[in-house]
Amino acid sequence: MAEIKSHEFDGFLQNAARNYRIFVVYGPDRGLVSERAAQIAAKTGVDLKDPFSVIKFDVADLQSDAGRLLDEVNAIGLFGGEKLVWIRGAANEKSLVDSLQIIADSPPDASFVIIEAGDLKKGSGLRKVAEPSRAVATIPCYADDIRALNGLIDTELANENLRITAAARQVLLELLGGDRIASRNEVRKLALYCRGQGMIEEGHVTDIIGDASAISTDDAVDAILKGDSEALLHAMQKIATSKTPMFLVLQGCLRQFQLLDTMRAEMDEKRLAPAQVMQTLGRHLHFRRKPIIEQALKSWTAPAIAREMNRLQSAVLQTRQRASLEDTIATQTLLATTLQSARKG
């Protein structure tokens, strides 16, 4: 079993990644999954620009042809040399799980396999195959903690010879998290904005990361949880007028569902009522918002929350990859979540 925890990944990448042929990278932070899969791919030594050496699949491509993955892994490259087979969007598809079992039992000599997956629960098909196997490196990717976010900030700002005041750092930390790629892009945007100034102040952060009031963002998230599409569109219009990136609303909604996920797990595990969970895990919430969160806990089941988090995480990543469509992607996704809330309510 080779499970690489978050704090071990950098060392693993430098020292041990080349000892493995098969990697399963999974977790709720889609941006971090994507980033770490790309880092592993770069370490394989395969020419990532060569279409004959790198075979990329969406998991849907394998569902109609169960043997395709095995064929690609075992096929000899057109010009010899090593190959990389890279699968994205995996969950627990039976064809993929069965193929991974065969590959793990007899690892390839001239191919690398990277599987990018979403939030796989313990005991799910892919994890049941990957975790016990000595041939597979599993890399779980969870939302960055404060230490990881501070490291990300320090690295990106150092690249521009910038420093940041304690107050500005605190504000920035409150605006990051949930998705690694999104967080990195926001810090890079801040660094570009402050290039040549030496020190980043609190005002710089609020100017460039977003100057809409927290209340406006909370209003949007609350409208989503209540299933009120009219209130959502009104709140988003206010946010757009203030020229705040719609990404912040997506991020705020994702954080809210991550909190709901934690609360719901506590409810189910300890058989608690929503009001009891609110007294412990919801103490920091504004009193005006507590009834909305409590009602959401009654309406949303754990599986439904997990599905919605996957949808939101995917949308966050899409807004970073296709910046020109950020507003459209965010609006469509948040409206879809609002409709789900309305049905459950």
Protein backbone atom coordinates (compact mmCIF):
# COMPACT_ATOMS: atom_id res chain seq x y z
CA MET A 1 0.00 0.00 0.00
CA ALA A 2 1.39 3.41 -0.97
CA GLU A 3 -0.90 6.24 0.08
CA ILE A 4 0.83 9.58 -0.29
CA LYS A 5 -0.52 12.10 2.19
CA SER A 6 -0.63 15.80 1.36
CA HIS A 7 2.49 16.76 3.34
CA GLU A 8 4.42 13.85 1.79
CA PHE A 9 3.65 14.61 -1.83
CA ASP A 10 6.53 16.96 -2.67
CA GLY A 11 9.08 14.51 -1.28
CA PHE A 12 7.39 11.60 -3.05
CA LEU A 13 7.43 13.48 -6.34
CA GLN A 14 11.14 14.20 -6.09
CA ASN A 15 12.34 10.88 -4.72
CA ALA A 16 9.94 8.00 -5.27
CA ALA A 17 7.40 8.73 -8.01
CA ARG A 18 9.61 7.16 -10.67
CA ASN A 19 9.38 3.84 -8.80
CA TYR A 20 5.69 3.51 -9.67
CA ARG A 21 3.89 2.88 -12.93
CA ILE A 22 0.30 3.39 -11.76
CA PHE A 23 -1.14 6.42 -9.97
CA VAL A 24 -4.66 7.09 -8.70
CA VAL A 25 -5.10 10.78 -7.83
CA TYR A 26 -8.47 11.57 -6.25
CA GLY A 27 -10.30 13.90 -3.88
CA PRO A 28 -12.80 16.72 -3.53
CA ASP A 29 -10.30 19.41 -4.61
CA ARG A 30 -10.48 18.97 -8.38
CA GLY A 31 -7.89 21.67 -8.98
CA LEU A 32 -5.37 19.94 -6.73
CA VAL A 33 -6.12 16.57 -8.37
CA SER A 34 -5.43 18.09 -11.78
CA GLU A 35 -2.28 19.88 -10.61
CA ARG A 36 -0.75 16.82 -8.95
CA ALA A 37 -1.59 14.55 -11.88
CA ALA A 38 0.21 17.01 -14.17
CA GLN A 39 3.24 17.06 -11.84
CA ILE A 40 3.39 13.26 -11.86
CA ALA A 41 3.06 13.21 -15.65
CA ALA A 42 6.01 15.59 -15.94
CA LYS A 43 8.10 13.27 -13.72
CA THR A 44 7.52 10.20 -15.88
CA GLY A 45 9.97 11.46 -18.49
CA VAL A 46 7.45 10.84 -21.29
CA ASP A 47 7.29 13.63 -23.88
CA LEU A 48 3.94 15.20 -23.02
CA LYS A 49 3.80 17.01 -26.36
CA ASP A 50 4.05 13.78 -28.36
CA PRO A 51 0.53 12.53 -29.25
CA PHE A 52 1.93 9.07 -29.92
CA SER A 53 3.41 8.82 -26.41
CA VAL A 54 0.55 10.34 -24.41
CA ILE A 55 -2.93 8.83 -24.65
CA LYS A 56 -5.63 10.82 -22.85
CA PHE A 57 -9.11 9.47 -22.12
CA ASP A 58 -12.21 10.78 -20.49
CA VAL A 59 -13.62 7.92 -18.44
CA ALA A 60 -16.72 7.91 -20.68
CA ASP A 61 -14.48 6.81 -23.57
CA LEU A 62 -13.79 3.55 -21.73
CA GLN A 63 -17.35 2.67 -20.79
CA SER A 64 -18.32 1.69 -24.32
CA ASP A 65 -15.10 -0.31 -24.79
CA ALA A 66 -14.07 -2.07 -21.58
CA GLY A 67 -10.85 -3.49 -23.05
CA ARG A 68 -9.54 -0.24 -24.50
CA LEU A 69 -7.50 0.74 -21.45
CA LEU A 70 -5.75 -2.63 -21.33
CA ASP A 71 -5.06 -2.46 -25.06
CA GLU A 72 -3.48 0.99 -24.78
CA VAL A 73 -1.41 0.13 -21.70
CA ASN A 74 0.01 -3.01 -23.28
CA ALA A 75 0.45 -1.65 -26.82
CA ILE A 76 3.98 -0.90 -27.96
CA GLY A 77 4.55 2.76 -28.87
CA LEU A 78 4.71 3.58 -32.56
CA PHE A 79 8.32 4.78 -32.23
CA GLY A 80 9.24 2.73 -29.16
CA GLY A 81 9.95 4.28 -25.78
CA GLU A 82 7.63 4.68 -22.82
CA LYS A 83 3.97 5.75 -22.96
CA LEU A 84 1.62 7.57 -20.64
CA VAL A 85 -2.06 6.62 -20.47
CA TRP A 86 -3.97 9.37 -18.67
CA ILE A 87 -7.64 8.95 -17.62
CA ARG A 88 -9.72 11.88 -16.36
CA GLY A 89 -13.12 12.18 -14.72
CA ALA A 90 -13.09 8.75 -13.08
CA ALA A 91 -15.47 7.71 -10.33
CA ASN A 92 -16.13 4.01 -9.73
CA GLU A 93 -16.98 2.80 -13.22
CA LYS A 94 -16.92 -1.02 -13.26
CA SER A 95 -14.97 -1.24 -16.51
CA LEU A 96 -12.25 1.00 -15.11
CA VAL A 97 -12.14 -0.79 -11.76
CA ASP A 98 -11.85 -4.18 -13.46
CA SER A 99 -9.12 -2.94 -15.81
CA LEU A 100 -7.18 -1.35 -12.95
CA GLN A 101 -7.27 -4.68 -11.06
CA ILE A 102 -5.66 -6.45 -14.01
CA ILE A 103 -3.04 -3.73 -14.51
CA ALA A 104 -2.20 -3.62 -10.78
CA ASP A 105 -1.74 -7.40 -10.68
CA SER A 106 0.66 -7.22 -13.63
CA PRO A 107 2.13 -3.69 -13.87
CA PRO A 108 3.30 -2.59 -17.34
CA ASP A 109 7.00 -2.32 -18.13
CA ALA A 110 6.82 0.46 -20.72
CA SER A 111 3.70 2.43 -19.78
CA PHE A 112 2.60 4.76 -17.01
CA VAL A 113 -1.05 5.03 -15.97
CA ILE A 114 -2.50 8.11 -14.26
CA ILE A 115 -6.14 8.08 -13.16
CA GLU A 116 -7.76 11.36 -12.06
CA ALA A 117 -10.88 10.81 -9.97
CA GLY A 118 -13.30 12.83 -7.90
CA ASP A 119 -14.11 12.37 -4.23
CA LEU A 120 -13.90 8.60 -3.70
CA LYS A 121 -15.38 7.36 -0.46
CA LYS A 122 -13.50 4.79 1.60
CA GLY A 123 -14.36 1.32 0.36
CA SER A 124 -15.33 2.49 -3.12
CA GLY A 125 -14.32 0.36 -6.09
CA LEU A 126 -11.23 2.25 -7.26
CA ARG A 127 -9.86 2.64 -3.73
CA LYS A 128 -10.48 -1.03 -2.91
CA VAL A 129 -8.29 -1.99 -5.85
CA ALA A 130 -5.66 0.74 -5.57
CA GLU A 131 -4.98 1.01 -1.84
CA PRO A 132 -3.95 -2.60 -1.09
CA SER A 133 -1.73 -2.81 -4.18
CA ARG A 134 2.00 -2.21 -3.84
CA ALA A 135 2.10 -1.35 -7.52
CA VAL A 136 -0.26 1.64 -7.22
CA ALA A 137 0.48 5.02 -5.64
CA THR A 138 -2.74 6.61 -4.35
CA ILE A 139 -2.71 10.37 -3.80
CA PRO A 140 -5.75 11.83 -1.98
CA CYS A 141 -6.30 15.56 -2.57
CA TYR A 142 -8.30 17.48 0.00
CA ALA A 143 -8.88 21.21 0.30
CA ASP A 144 -5.76 23.07 1.35
CA ASP A 145 -5.32 23.74 5.04
CA ILE A 146 -3.85 26.99 6.37
CA ARG A 147 -0.28 25.68 6.21
CA ALA A 148 -0.65 24.64 2.58
CA LEU A 149 -2.28 27.95 1.63
CA ASN A 150 0.48 29.90 3.35
CA GLY A 151 3.06 27.87 1.45
CA LEU A 152 1.25 28.58 -1.81
CA ILE A 153 1.14 32.31 -1.07
CA ASP A 154 4.83 32.42 -0.11
CA THR A 155 5.92 30.53 -3.23
CA GLU A 156 3.94 32.62 -5.69
CA LEU A 157 4.86 35.97 -4.10
CA ALA A 158 8.54 35.01 -3.87
CA ASN A 159 8.53 34.50 -7.64
CA GLU A 160 7.74 38.22 -7.97
CA ASN A 161 10.00 39.32 -5.06
CA LEU A 162 6.96 40.44 -3.11
CA ARG A 163 6.21 40.39 0.61
CA ILE A 164 2.82 40.66 2.31
CA THR A 165 1.72 42.23 5.57
CA ALA A 166 0.09 40.06 8.26
CA ALA A 167 -3.26 41.83 7.84
CA ALA A 168 -3.21 41.39 4.06
CA ARG A 169 -2.26 37.72 4.42
CA GLN A 170 -5.22 37.12 6.74
CA VAL A 171 -7.65 38.71 4.30
CA LEU A 172 -6.16 36.72 1.43
CA LEU A 173 -6.42 33.43 3.33
CA GLU A 174 -10.11 34.03 3.91
CA LEU A 175 -10.65 34.34 0.15
CA LEU A 176 -8.71 31.19 -0.83
CA GLY A 177 -9.23 27.46 -0.46
CA GLY A 178 -11.56 24.85 -1.91
CA ASP A 179 -9.66 24.48 -5.19
CA ARG A 180 -5.86 24.57 -5.61
CA ILE A 181 -5.76 25.86 -9.20
CA ALA A 182 -8.26 28.60 -8.41
CA SER A 183 -6.28 29.62 -5.31
CA ARG A 184 -3.00 29.70 -7.23
CA ASN A 185 -4.51 31.80 -10.01
CA GLU A 186 -5.92 34.31 -7.51
CA VAL A 187 -2.52 34.70 -5.83
CA ARG A 188 -0.83 35.10 -9.22
CA LYS A 189 -3.37 37.76 -10.15
CA LEU A 190 -2.56 39.60 -6.93
CA ALA A 191 1.19 39.29 -7.58
CA LEU A 192 0.78 40.68 -11.10
CA TYR A 193 -1.29 43.58 -9.76
CA CYS A 194 1.38 44.43 -7.16
CA ARG A 195 4.45 43.76 -9.31
CA GLY A 196 7.28 46.14 -8.44
CA GLN A 197 5.69 47.44 -5.23
CA GLY A 198 7.67 45.29 -2.81
CA MET A 199 5.02 44.97 -0.11
CA ILE A 200 1.39 43.88 -0.49
CA GLU A 201 -1.04 45.72 1.77
CA GLU A 202 -4.57 44.79 2.82
CA GLY A 203 -6.03 47.27 0.34
CA HIS A 204 -4.28 45.57 -2.57
CA VAL A 205 -5.96 42.26 -1.68
CA THR A 206 -9.46 43.71 -1.44
CA ASP A 207 -8.93 45.71 -4.64
CA ILE A 208 -7.94 42.81 -6.87
CA ILE A 209 -9.36 39.65 -5.28
CA GLY A 210 -12.81 41.13 -4.83
CA ASP A 211 -14.39 44.20 -3.30
CA ALA A 212 -18.02 43.05 -3.06
CA SER A 213 -19.29 42.94 0.49
CA ALA A 214 -19.37 39.58 2.21
CA ILE A 215 -23.08 40.18 2.79
CA SER A 216 -23.73 40.24 -0.97
CA THR A 217 -21.97 36.90 -1.45
CA ASP A 218 -23.78 35.43 1.55
CA ASP A 219 -27.07 36.66 0.09
CA ALA A 220 -26.35 34.71 -3.10
CA VAL A 221 -25.41 31.55 -1.21
CA ASP A 222 -28.47 31.84 1.04
CA ALA A 223 -30.71 32.23 -2.01
CA ILE A 224 -29.19 29.05 -3.45
CA LEU A 225 -29.83 27.09 -0.25
CA LYS A 226 -33.41 28.37 -0.09
CA GLY A 227 -34.03 27.47 -3.74
CA ASP A 228 -34.92 31.08 -4.57
CA SER A 229 -33.69 31.65 -8.13
CA GLU A 230 -35.08 35.19 -8.31
CA ALA A 231 -33.17 36.24 -5.17
CA LEU A 232 -30.03 34.56 -6.53
CA LEU A 233 -30.14 36.49 -9.80
CA HIS A 234 -30.74 39.73 -7.90
CA ALA A 235 -27.73 39.08 -5.60
CA MET A 236 -25.52 38.14 -8.56
CA GLN A 237 -26.52 41.33 -10.38
CA LYS A 238 -25.34 43.36 -7.38
CA ILE A 239 -22.07 41.43 -7.29
CA ALA A 240 -21.52 41.86 -11.03
CA THR A 241 -22.14 45.61 -10.71
CA SER A 242 -19.35 45.79 -8.12
CA LYS A 243 -17.06 44.04 -10.67
CA THR A 244 -16.39 41.15 -8.31
CA PRO A 245 -15.50 37.86 -10.09
CA MET A 246 -18.41 35.43 -10.17
CA PHE A 247 -15.85 32.82 -9.13
CA LEU A 248 -16.16 34.16 -5.57
CA VAL A 249 -19.83 33.20 -5.47
CA LEU A 250 -18.99 29.72 -6.74
CA GLN A 251 -16.26 29.45 -4.13
CA GLY A 252 -18.58 30.67 -1.37
CA CYS A 253 -21.23 28.15 -2.38
CA LEU A 254 -18.65 25.35 -2.45
CA ARG A 255 -17.45 26.25 1.03
CA GLN A 256 -21.03 26.22 2.27
CA PHE A 257 -21.61 22.75 0.88
CA GLN A 258 -18.33 21.56 2.40
CA LEU A 259 -19.63 22.77 5.76
CA LEU A 260 -22.97 21.04 5.13
CA ASP A 261 -21.07 17.85 4.31
CA THR A 262 -19.21 17.99 7.63
CA MET A 263 -22.39 18.75 9.55
CA ARG A 264 -24.41 16.07 7.82
CA ALA A 265 -21.73 13.46 8.53
CA GLU A 266 -21.83 14.45 12.20
CA MET A 267 -25.63 14.16 12.21
CA ASP A 268 -25.65 10.74 10.59
CA GLU A 269 -22.78 9.31 12.66
CA LYS A 270 -24.04 10.49 16.06
CA ARG A 271 -27.77 10.54 15.23
CA LEU A 272 -28.10 14.22 16.10
CA ALA A 273 -30.77 16.71 15.13
CA PRO A 274 -29.77 19.64 12.88
CA ALA A 275 -30.19 22.08 15.77
CA GLN A 276 -27.68 20.12 17.88
CA VAL A 277 -25.08 20.15 15.13
CA MET A 278 -25.61 23.88 14.64
CA GLN A 279 -24.71 24.47 18.29
CA THR A 280 -21.24 23.00 17.74
CA LEU A 281 -20.21 23.25 14.07
CA GLY A 282 -22.36 26.29 13.27
CA ARG A 283 -21.39 28.58 16.11
CA HIS A 284 -19.39 30.89 13.84
CA LEU A 285 -22.32 31.53 11.47
CA HIS A 286 -24.19 34.84 11.54
CA PHE A 287 -27.45 34.43 13.46
CA ARG A 288 -29.45 35.52 10.39
CA ARG A 289 -28.07 32.61 8.37
CA LYS A 290 -28.47 29.83 10.94
CA PRO A 291 -32.13 28.98 10.16
CA ILE A 292 -31.26 28.69 6.44
CA ILE A 293 -28.38 26.29 7.12
CA GLU A 294 -30.48 24.29 9.57
CA GLN A 295 -33.25 23.88 6.98
CA ALA A 296 -30.67 22.81 4.36
CA LEU A 297 -29.42 20.11 6.73
CA LYS A 298 -32.95 18.74 6.94
CA SER A 299 -33.37 18.75 3.15
CA TRP A 300 -30.00 17.58 1.82
CA THR A 301 -28.76 14.01 2.29
CA ALA A 302 -25.05 13.16 2.42
CA PRO A 303 -24.98 11.61 -1.11
CA ALA A 304 -26.80 14.62 -2.56
CA ILE A 305 -24.35 17.01 -0.88
CA ALA A 306 -21.43 15.01 -2.29
CA ARG A 307 -22.88 15.17 -5.81
CA GLU A 308 -23.38 18.91 -5.54
CA MET A 309 -19.83 19.47 -4.28
CA ASN A 310 -18.52 17.57 -7.29
CA ARG A 311 -20.61 19.75 -9.60
CA LEU A 312 -19.37 22.97 -7.94
CA GLN A 313 -15.73 21.83 -7.90
CA SER A 314 -15.93 20.97 -11.58
CA ALA A 315 -17.39 24.41 -12.31
CA VAL A 316 -14.63 26.15 -10.34
CA LEU A 317 -12.03 24.34 -12.41
CA GLN A 318 -13.84 25.17 -15.66
CA THR A 319 -13.88 28.89 -14.80
CA ARG A 320 -10.10 28.78 -14.38
CA GLN A 321 -9.56 26.87 -17.61
CA ARG A 322 -12.01 28.98 -19.64
CA ALA A 323 -11.83 32.42 -18.07
CA SER A 324 -13.80 34.06 -20.88
CA LEU A 325 -16.84 31.96 -19.92
CA GLU A 326 -16.50 32.45 -16.15
CA ASP A 327 -19.79 34.34 -15.70
CA THR A 328 -21.77 31.90 -17.85
CA ILE A 329 -20.37 28.79 -16.17
CA ALA A 330 -20.89 30.22 -12.68
CA THR A 331 -24.44 31.39 -13.37
CA GLN A 332 -25.57 28.11 -14.96
CA THR A 333 -24.03 26.02 -12.20
CA LEU A 334 -25.43 28.10 -9.35
CA LEU A 335 -28.90 28.14 -10.92
CA ALA A 336 -28.76 24.35 -11.23
CA THR A 337 -27.86 24.06 -7.55
CA THR A 338 -30.68 26.46 -6.68
CA LEU A 339 -33.17 24.27 -8.56
CA GLN A 340 -31.93 21.24 -6.66
CA SER A 341 -32.54 23.11 -3.39
CA ALA A 342 -36.01 24.09 -4.52
CA ARG A 343 -36.91 20.46 -5.31
CA LYS A 344 -35.62 19.27 -1.94
CA GLY A 345 -37.34 22.09 -0.08
